[in-house]
Amino acid sequence: MSSSLLGLFGISFLAATLLPAQSELGLSGLIYLESAPVLLLVMTASLGNTLGSLVNWGLGRGAIRFSDARWFPVKPEKLERATAWYQRYGRWSLLMSWAPVIGDPLTLAAGLLRERFWPFLLLVALAKTGRYVVVALIATRIV
């Protein structure tokens, strides 16, 4: 695997966790540089981002007892908003997991609320891949 693909995977993984990162810029830059076929870049970013969301889901499943701790990575108001959204719209709200601000806490809320693994994985993978397809389409039109 080339270093550019590994880097894209890493930044995409981090961007899906509760750590700040900009995977869209990484994907766009690699498309512009023609470092690999666009489909391979989209697949790499999607895989990294989906696996990063699985980290949030896993944290949510085991970390509910720590949500009031100062070190907990999601502010209580963001978690409450994401949890309310999730309770209102159910698992289908995971299709919004690509969205800035609410997407990452939403995947954590899914874990907190004990969403099953396979529905979580499917919906999040669709959402994340859809976002990267749109980013790739925009990036290839600009190039």
N, C-alpha and C. Protein backbone atom coordinates (compact mmCIF):
# COMPACT_ATOMS: atom_id res chain seq x y z
N MET A 1 0.85 -1.18 0.00
CA MET A 1 0.00 0.00 0.00
C MET A 1 0.89 1.23 0.00
N SER A 2 0.58 2.18 -0.85
CA SER A 2 1.41 3.38 -0.93
C SER A 2 1.23 4.25 0.31
N SER A 3 2.20 5.10 0.53
CA SER A 3 2.13 5.97 1.71
C SER A 3 0.97 6.95 1.61
N SER A 4 0.60 7.36 0.40
CA SER A 4 -0.53 8.28 0.26
C SER A 4 -1.84 7.59 0.65
N LEU A 5 -2.00 6.32 0.27
CA LEU A 5 -3.21 5.59 0.67
C LEU A 5 -3.23 5.34 2.17
N LEU A 6 -2.09 5.01 2.72
CA LEU A 6 -2.00 4.78 4.16
C LEU A 6 -2.31 6.07 4.92
N GLY A 7 -1.78 7.18 4.44
CA GLY A 7 -2.06 8.47 5.06
C GLY A 7 -3.54 8.84 4.97
N LEU A 8 -4.14 8.59 3.80
CA LEU A 8 -5.56 8.88 3.63
C LEU A 8 -6.40 8.02 4.55
N PHE A 9 -6.05 6.74 4.65
CA PHE A 9 -6.75 5.85 5.57
C PHE A 9 -6.65 6.39 7.00
N GLY A 10 -5.44 6.78 7.41
CA GLY A 10 -5.23 7.27 8.77
C GLY A 10 -6.00 8.54 9.07
N ILE A 11 -5.95 9.51 8.16
CA ILE A 11 -6.66 10.77 8.40
C ILE A 11 -8.17 10.56 8.37
N SER A 12 -8.63 9.64 7.53
CA SER A 12 -10.06 9.34 7.46
C SER A 12 -10.52 8.63 8.73
N PHE A 13 -9.69 7.74 9.23
CA PHE A 13 -9.99 7.05 10.48
C PHE A 13 -10.10 8.06 11.62
N LEU A 14 -9.08 8.92 11.74
CA LEU A 14 -9.09 9.92 12.82
C LEU A 14 -10.26 10.88 12.70
N ALA A 15 -10.59 11.26 11.47
CA ALA A 15 -11.69 12.21 11.27
C ALA A 15 -13.02 11.65 11.74
N ALA A 16 -13.17 10.35 11.73
CA ALA A 16 -14.43 9.73 12.16
C ALA A 16 -14.50 9.55 13.66
N THR A 17 -13.36 9.54 14.32
CA THR A 17 -13.37 9.45 15.77
C THR A 17 -13.68 10.84 16.32
N LEU A 18 -13.57 11.00 17.58
CA LEU A 18 -13.90 12.28 18.18
C LEU A 18 -12.74 13.26 18.13
N LEU A 19 -11.66 12.89 17.42
CA LEU A 19 -10.51 13.77 17.25
C LEU A 19 -10.72 14.61 15.98
N PRO A 20 -10.29 15.87 16.00
CA PRO A 20 -10.50 16.71 14.81
C PRO A 20 -9.50 16.37 13.70
N ALA A 21 -10.02 16.20 12.50
CA ALA A 21 -9.19 15.95 11.32
C ALA A 21 -10.04 16.26 10.08
N GLN A 22 -9.38 16.56 8.97
CA GLN A 22 -10.07 16.91 7.73
C GLN A 22 -9.74 15.92 6.62
N SER A 23 -10.50 14.86 6.53
CA SER A 23 -10.24 13.85 5.52
C SER A 23 -10.67 14.29 4.13
N GLU A 24 -11.65 15.16 4.03
CA GLU A 24 -12.12 15.62 2.72
C GLU A 24 -11.01 16.36 1.98
N LEU A 25 -10.26 17.16 2.71
CA LEU A 25 -9.14 17.88 2.09
C LEU A 25 -8.06 16.91 1.64
N GLY A 26 -7.80 15.88 2.44
CA GLY A 26 -6.82 14.86 2.08
C GLY A 26 -7.23 14.13 0.82
N LEU A 27 -8.49 13.72 0.76
CA LEU A 27 -8.99 13.03 -0.43
C LEU A 27 -8.92 13.93 -1.65
N SER A 28 -9.36 15.16 -1.52
CA SER A 28 -9.33 16.10 -2.65
C SER A 28 -7.91 16.34 -3.14
N GLY A 29 -6.99 16.50 -2.20
CA GLY A 29 -5.59 16.73 -2.57
C GLY A 29 -4.99 15.55 -3.31
N LEU A 30 -5.29 14.34 -2.86
CA LEU A 30 -4.75 13.15 -3.52
C LEU A 30 -5.39 12.94 -4.89
N ILE A 31 -6.65 13.31 -5.03
CA ILE A 31 -7.28 13.26 -6.36
C ILE A 31 -6.60 14.25 -7.28
N TYR A 32 -6.37 15.45 -6.78
CA TYR A 32 -5.70 16.49 -7.57
C TYR A 32 -4.30 16.04 -8.00
N LEU A 33 -3.59 15.40 -7.10
CA LEU A 33 -2.23 14.93 -7.40
C LEU A 33 -2.21 13.65 -8.23
N GLU A 34 -3.39 13.07 -8.45
CA GLU A 34 -3.51 11.82 -9.19
C GLU A 34 -2.60 10.74 -8.61
N SER A 35 -2.61 10.64 -7.29
CA SER A 35 -1.72 9.71 -6.59
C SER A 35 -2.17 8.26 -6.70
N ALA A 36 -3.45 8.05 -7.01
CA ALA A 36 -4.01 6.71 -7.16
C ALA A 36 -5.34 6.86 -7.90
N PRO A 37 -5.88 5.78 -8.43
CA PRO A 37 -7.20 5.86 -9.06
C PRO A 37 -8.25 6.41 -8.07
N VAL A 38 -9.14 7.22 -8.58
CA VAL A 38 -10.13 7.88 -7.73
C VAL A 38 -10.96 6.84 -6.96
N LEU A 39 -11.36 5.77 -7.61
CA LEU A 39 -12.15 4.74 -6.93
C LEU A 39 -11.39 4.15 -5.74
N LEU A 40 -10.11 3.90 -5.91
CA LEU A 40 -9.30 3.36 -4.81
C LEU A 40 -9.19 4.38 -3.68
N LEU A 41 -9.05 5.64 -4.00
CA LEU A 41 -8.98 6.68 -2.98
C LEU A 41 -10.30 6.78 -2.21
N VAL A 42 -11.42 6.74 -2.92
CA VAL A 42 -12.73 6.80 -2.25
C VAL A 42 -12.93 5.58 -1.36
N MET A 43 -12.56 4.41 -1.85
CA MET A 43 -12.70 3.19 -1.05
C MET A 43 -11.83 3.24 0.20
N THR A 44 -10.62 3.76 0.07
CA THR A 44 -9.70 3.85 1.21
C THR A 44 -10.23 4.81 2.26
N ALA A 45 -10.68 6.00 1.82
CA ALA A 45 -11.22 6.98 2.75
C ALA A 45 -12.48 6.45 3.42
N SER A 46 -13.33 5.78 2.66
CA SER A 46 -14.58 5.23 3.20
C SER A 46 -14.30 4.16 4.25
N LEU A 47 -13.37 3.28 3.95
CA LEU A 47 -13.02 2.22 4.90
C LEU A 47 -12.46 2.80 6.20
N GLY A 48 -11.52 3.72 6.07
CA GLY A 48 -10.93 4.34 7.26
C GLY A 48 -11.97 5.08 8.09
N ASN A 49 -12.85 5.83 7.42
CA ASN A 49 -13.85 6.61 8.13
C ASN A 49 -14.89 5.71 8.80
N THR A 50 -15.28 4.65 8.12
CA THR A 50 -16.25 3.72 8.70
C THR A 50 -15.66 3.01 9.91
N LEU A 51 -14.42 2.56 9.80
CA LEU A 51 -13.78 1.90 10.95
C LEU A 51 -13.59 2.87 12.12
N GLY A 52 -13.31 4.14 11.83
CA GLY A 52 -13.22 5.13 12.89
C GLY A 52 -14.56 5.31 13.60
N SER A 53 -15.64 5.24 12.85
CA SER A 53 -16.97 5.32 13.46
C SER A 53 -17.26 4.12 14.34
N LEU A 54 -16.70 2.97 13.95
CA LEU A 54 -16.86 1.79 14.80
C LEU A 54 -16.19 1.98 16.16
N VAL A 55 -15.11 2.74 16.18
CA VAL A 55 -14.46 3.06 17.46
C VAL A 55 -15.44 3.84 18.34
N ASN A 56 -16.11 4.84 17.75
CA ASN A 56 -17.09 5.62 18.51
C ASN A 56 -18.21 4.72 19.04
N TRP A 57 -18.71 3.85 18.17
CA TRP A 57 -19.78 2.93 18.55
C TRP A 57 -19.33 2.06 19.73
N GLY A 58 -18.12 1.53 19.63
CA GLY A 58 -17.58 0.70 20.71
C GLY A 58 -17.40 1.49 22.00
N LEU A 59 -16.90 2.71 21.87
CA LEU A 59 -16.77 3.56 23.05
C LEU A 59 -18.13 3.82 23.69
N GLY A 60 -19.10 4.07 22.85
CA GLY A 60 -20.45 4.33 23.36
C GLY A 60 -21.02 3.14 24.10
N ARG A 61 -20.76 1.96 23.58
CA ARG A 61 -21.29 0.74 24.23
C ARG A 61 -20.68 0.52 25.60
N GLY A 62 -19.43 0.95 25.79
CA GLY A 62 -18.78 0.69 27.06
C GLY A 62 -18.57 1.90 27.93
N ALA A 63 -18.84 3.09 27.42
CA ALA A 63 -18.42 4.29 28.14
C ALA A 63 -19.55 5.10 28.74
N ILE A 64 -20.77 4.63 28.70
CA ILE A 64 -21.87 5.41 29.25
C ILE A 64 -21.61 5.81 30.69
N ARG A 65 -20.95 4.96 31.42
CA ARG A 65 -20.71 5.27 32.84
C ARG A 65 -19.70 6.39 33.03
N PHE A 66 -18.97 6.75 31.95
CA PHE A 66 -17.97 7.81 32.05
C PHE A 66 -18.42 9.13 31.41
N SER A 67 -19.65 9.18 30.89
CA SER A 67 -20.06 10.35 30.11
C SER A 67 -20.08 11.66 30.90
N ASP A 68 -20.11 11.59 32.21
CA ASP A 68 -20.09 12.81 33.02
C ASP A 68 -18.68 13.23 33.44
N ALA A 69 -17.70 12.42 33.10
CA ALA A 69 -16.32 12.73 33.48
C ALA A 69 -15.79 13.91 32.67
N ARG A 70 -14.93 14.70 33.26
CA ARG A 70 -14.36 15.88 32.59
C ARG A 70 -13.58 15.50 31.35
N TRP A 71 -12.91 14.37 31.37
CA TRP A 71 -12.06 13.97 30.25
C TRP A 71 -12.84 13.35 29.09
N PHE A 72 -14.13 13.06 29.30
CA PHE A 72 -14.93 12.42 28.26
C PHE A 72 -14.90 13.31 27.01
N PRO A 73 -14.62 12.74 25.83
CA PRO A 73 -14.34 13.55 24.64
C PRO A 73 -15.53 14.28 24.02
N VAL A 74 -16.75 14.00 24.44
CA VAL A 74 -17.91 14.68 23.87
C VAL A 74 -18.57 15.51 24.96
N LYS A 75 -18.78 16.77 24.65
CA LYS A 75 -19.44 17.66 25.60
C LYS A 75 -20.86 17.16 25.85
N PRO A 76 -21.35 17.29 27.09
CA PRO A 76 -22.68 16.77 27.42
C PRO A 76 -23.79 17.28 26.51
N GLU A 77 -23.74 18.56 26.13
CA GLU A 77 -24.80 19.11 25.28
C GLU A 77 -24.79 18.50 23.87
N LYS A 78 -23.61 18.22 23.33
CA LYS A 78 -23.53 17.56 22.02
C LYS A 78 -24.05 16.13 22.10
N LEU A 79 -23.68 15.45 23.16
CA LEU A 79 -24.13 14.08 23.35
C LEU A 79 -25.64 14.02 23.55
N GLU A 80 -26.18 14.97 24.32
CA GLU A 80 -27.63 15.02 24.53
C GLU A 80 -28.36 15.28 23.22
N ARG A 81 -27.83 16.20 22.41
CA ARG A 81 -28.44 16.52 21.13
C ARG A 81 -28.42 15.30 20.20
N ALA A 82 -27.26 14.64 20.14
CA ALA A 82 -27.13 13.47 19.28
C ALA A 82 -28.03 12.33 19.78
N THR A 83 -28.10 12.15 21.09
CA THR A 83 -28.93 11.10 21.66
C THR A 83 -30.41 11.38 21.38
N ALA A 84 -30.83 12.63 21.53
CA ALA A 84 -32.22 13.00 21.25
C ALA A 84 -32.54 12.76 19.77
N TRP A 85 -31.63 13.14 18.90
CA TRP A 85 -31.79 12.93 17.46
C TRP A 85 -31.93 11.43 17.18
N TYR A 86 -31.06 10.64 17.81
CA TYR A 86 -31.06 9.20 17.59
C TYR A 86 -32.34 8.57 18.11
N GLN A 87 -32.79 9.00 19.27
CA GLN A 87 -34.01 8.45 19.84
C GLN A 87 -35.23 8.85 19.00
N ARG A 88 -35.19 10.02 18.42
CA ARG A 88 -36.32 10.48 17.61
C ARG A 88 -36.40 9.76 16.28
N TYR A 89 -35.26 9.63 15.60
CA TYR A 89 -35.26 9.08 14.25
C TYR A 89 -34.76 7.63 14.16
N GLY A 90 -34.26 7.10 15.26
CA GLY A 90 -33.82 5.72 15.29
C GLY A 90 -32.56 5.49 14.47
N ARG A 91 -32.38 4.25 14.08
CA ARG A 91 -31.15 3.88 13.37
C ARG A 91 -30.99 4.61 12.05
N TRP A 92 -32.09 5.07 11.46
CA TRP A 92 -31.99 5.76 10.18
C TRP A 92 -31.23 7.08 10.31
N SER A 93 -31.17 7.60 11.51
CA SER A 93 -30.40 8.83 11.73
C SER A 93 -28.92 8.61 11.45
N LEU A 94 -28.48 7.34 11.44
CA LEU A 94 -27.07 7.06 11.13
C LEU A 94 -26.71 7.45 9.70
N LEU A 95 -27.70 7.64 8.86
CA LEU A 95 -27.43 8.14 7.51
C LEU A 95 -26.91 9.58 7.55
N MET A 96 -27.03 10.22 8.70
CA MET A 96 -26.47 11.57 8.89
C MET A 96 -25.09 11.52 9.55
N SER A 97 -24.52 10.35 9.70
CA SER A 97 -23.22 10.23 10.36
C SER A 97 -22.10 10.90 9.58
N TRP A 98 -22.34 11.25 8.34
CA TRP A 98 -21.34 11.95 7.53
C TRP A 98 -21.28 13.43 7.89
N ALA A 99 -22.31 13.94 8.54
CA ALA A 99 -22.46 15.38 8.76
C ALA A 99 -21.48 15.93 9.79
N PRO A 100 -20.95 17.12 9.52
CA PRO A 100 -20.08 17.76 10.51
C PRO A 100 -20.86 18.04 11.80
N VAL A 101 -20.17 18.14 12.89
CA VAL A 101 -20.66 18.47 14.22
C VAL A 101 -21.49 17.35 14.84
N ILE A 102 -22.53 16.87 14.19
CA ILE A 102 -23.40 15.87 14.82
C ILE A 102 -23.03 14.44 14.45
N GLY A 103 -22.34 14.22 13.35
CA GLY A 103 -22.06 12.87 12.86
C GLY A 103 -21.29 12.00 13.84
N ASP A 104 -20.19 12.50 14.37
CA ASP A 104 -19.38 11.69 15.29
C ASP A 104 -20.12 11.42 16.60
N PRO A 105 -20.72 12.44 17.23
CA PRO A 105 -21.49 12.14 18.45
C PRO A 105 -22.67 11.20 18.18
N LEU A 106 -23.21 11.25 16.97
CA LEU A 106 -24.32 10.36 16.62
C LEU A 106 -23.88 8.90 16.64
N THR A 107 -22.68 8.63 16.14
CA THR A 107 -22.19 7.25 16.16
C THR A 107 -21.88 6.80 17.59
N LEU A 108 -21.45 7.72 18.42
CA LEU A 108 -21.25 7.41 19.84
C LEU A 108 -22.60 7.13 20.51
N ALA A 109 -23.60 7.95 20.20
CA ALA A 109 -24.94 7.77 20.76
C ALA A 109 -25.51 6.42 20.34
N ALA A 110 -25.24 5.99 19.12
CA ALA A 110 -25.72 4.68 18.66
C ALA A 110 -25.15 3.57 19.54
N GLY A 111 -23.90 3.70 19.92
CA GLY A 111 -23.32 2.73 20.83
C GLY A 111 -23.93 2.81 22.22
N LEU A 112 -24.10 4.02 22.70
CA LEU A 112 -24.72 4.21 24.02
C LEU A 112 -26.11 3.59 24.08
N LEU A 113 -26.85 3.72 22.98
CA LEU A 113 -28.22 3.22 22.93
C LEU A 113 -28.30 1.79 22.42
N ARG A 114 -27.13 1.13 22.35
CA ARG A 114 -27.03 -0.30 22.06
C ARG A 114 -27.52 -0.70 20.67
N GLU A 115 -27.26 0.16 19.68
CA GLU A 115 -27.59 -0.23 18.30
C GLU A 115 -26.82 -1.47 17.93
N ARG A 116 -27.45 -2.37 17.21
CA ARG A 116 -26.81 -3.61 16.79
C ARG A 116 -25.71 -3.32 15.76
N PHE A 117 -24.71 -4.21 15.75
CA PHE A 117 -23.51 -4.03 14.93
C PHE A 117 -23.80 -3.92 13.44
N TRP A 118 -24.49 -4.90 12.85
CA TRP A 118 -24.66 -4.95 11.39
C TRP A 118 -25.49 -3.79 10.85
N PRO A 119 -26.62 -3.43 11.45
CA PRO A 119 -27.34 -2.25 10.95
C PRO A 119 -26.49 -0.98 11.07
N PHE A 120 -25.76 -0.86 12.18
CA PHE A 120 -24.87 0.29 12.36
C PHE A 120 -23.85 0.35 11.24
N LEU A 121 -23.16 -0.76 11.03
CA LEU A 121 -22.10 -0.81 10.01
C LEU A 121 -22.64 -0.48 8.63
N LEU A 122 -23.74 -1.06 8.25
CA LEU A 122 -24.31 -0.84 6.93
C LEU A 122 -24.69 0.63 6.71
N LEU A 123 -25.43 1.20 7.64
CA LEU A 123 -25.90 2.58 7.48
C LEU A 123 -24.75 3.59 7.52
N VAL A 124 -23.81 3.37 8.41
CA VAL A 124 -22.67 4.29 8.49
C VAL A 124 -21.79 4.17 7.25
N ALA A 125 -21.56 2.96 6.78
CA ALA A 125 -20.75 2.77 5.57
C ALA A 125 -21.41 3.45 4.37
N LEU A 126 -22.72 3.34 4.25
CA LEU A 126 -23.43 4.02 3.16
C LEU A 126 -23.27 5.54 3.26
N ALA A 127 -23.45 6.07 4.45
CA ALA A 127 -23.36 7.51 4.64
C ALA A 127 -21.94 8.03 4.37
N LYS A 128 -20.96 7.36 4.92
CA LYS A 128 -19.57 7.80 4.77
C LYS A 128 -19.13 7.69 3.31
N THR A 129 -19.47 6.58 2.66
CA THR A 129 -19.08 6.39 1.27
C THR A 129 -19.78 7.42 0.38
N GLY A 130 -21.04 7.67 0.65
CA GLY A 130 -21.77 8.68 -0.12
C GLY A 130 -21.11 10.05 -0.04
N ARG A 131 -20.67 10.42 1.14
CA ARG A 131 -19.99 11.71 1.29
C ARG A 131 -18.71 11.75 0.46
N TYR A 132 -17.91 10.69 0.51
CA TYR A 132 -16.66 10.69 -0.24
C TYR A 132 -16.88 10.63 -1.75
N VAL A 133 -17.96 10.00 -2.18
CA VAL A 133 -18.29 10.01 -3.60
C VAL A 133 -18.59 11.44 -4.04
N VAL A 134 -19.36 12.16 -3.25
CA VAL A 134 -19.67 13.57 -3.58
C VAL A 134 -18.39 14.41 -3.59
N VAL A 135 -17.54 14.23 -2.59
CA VAL A 135 -16.27 14.96 -2.55
C VAL A 135 -15.44 14.65 -3.79
N ALA A 136 -15.38 13.39 -4.17
CA ALA A 136 -14.60 12.99 -5.35
C ALA A 136 -15.18 13.60 -6.62
N LEU A 137 -16.51 13.59 -6.73
CA LEU A 137 -17.13 14.20 -7.91
C LEU A 137 -16.82 15.68 -8.01
N ILE A 138 -16.87 16.36 -6.89
CA ILE A 138 -16.55 17.79 -6.88
C ILE A 138 -15.08 17.99 -7.22
N ALA A 139 -14.21 17.20 -6.61
CA ALA A 139 -12.77 17.34 -6.83
C ALA A 139 -12.38 17.04 -8.28
N THR A 140 -13.02 16.07 -8.89
CA THR A 140 -12.66 15.74 -10.28
C THR A 140 -13.19 16.78 -11.25
N ARG A 141 -14.24 17.49 -10.89
CA ARG A 141 -14.77 18.55 -11.74
C ARG A 141 -13.90 19.81 -11.67
N ILE A 142 -13.25 19.98 -10.53
CA ILE A 142 -12.40 21.15 -10.32
C ILE A 142 -11.06 20.97 -11.00
N VAL A 143 -10.57 19.73 -11.03
CA VAL A 143 -9.24 19.44 -11.57
C VAL A 143 -9.15 19.73 -13.02
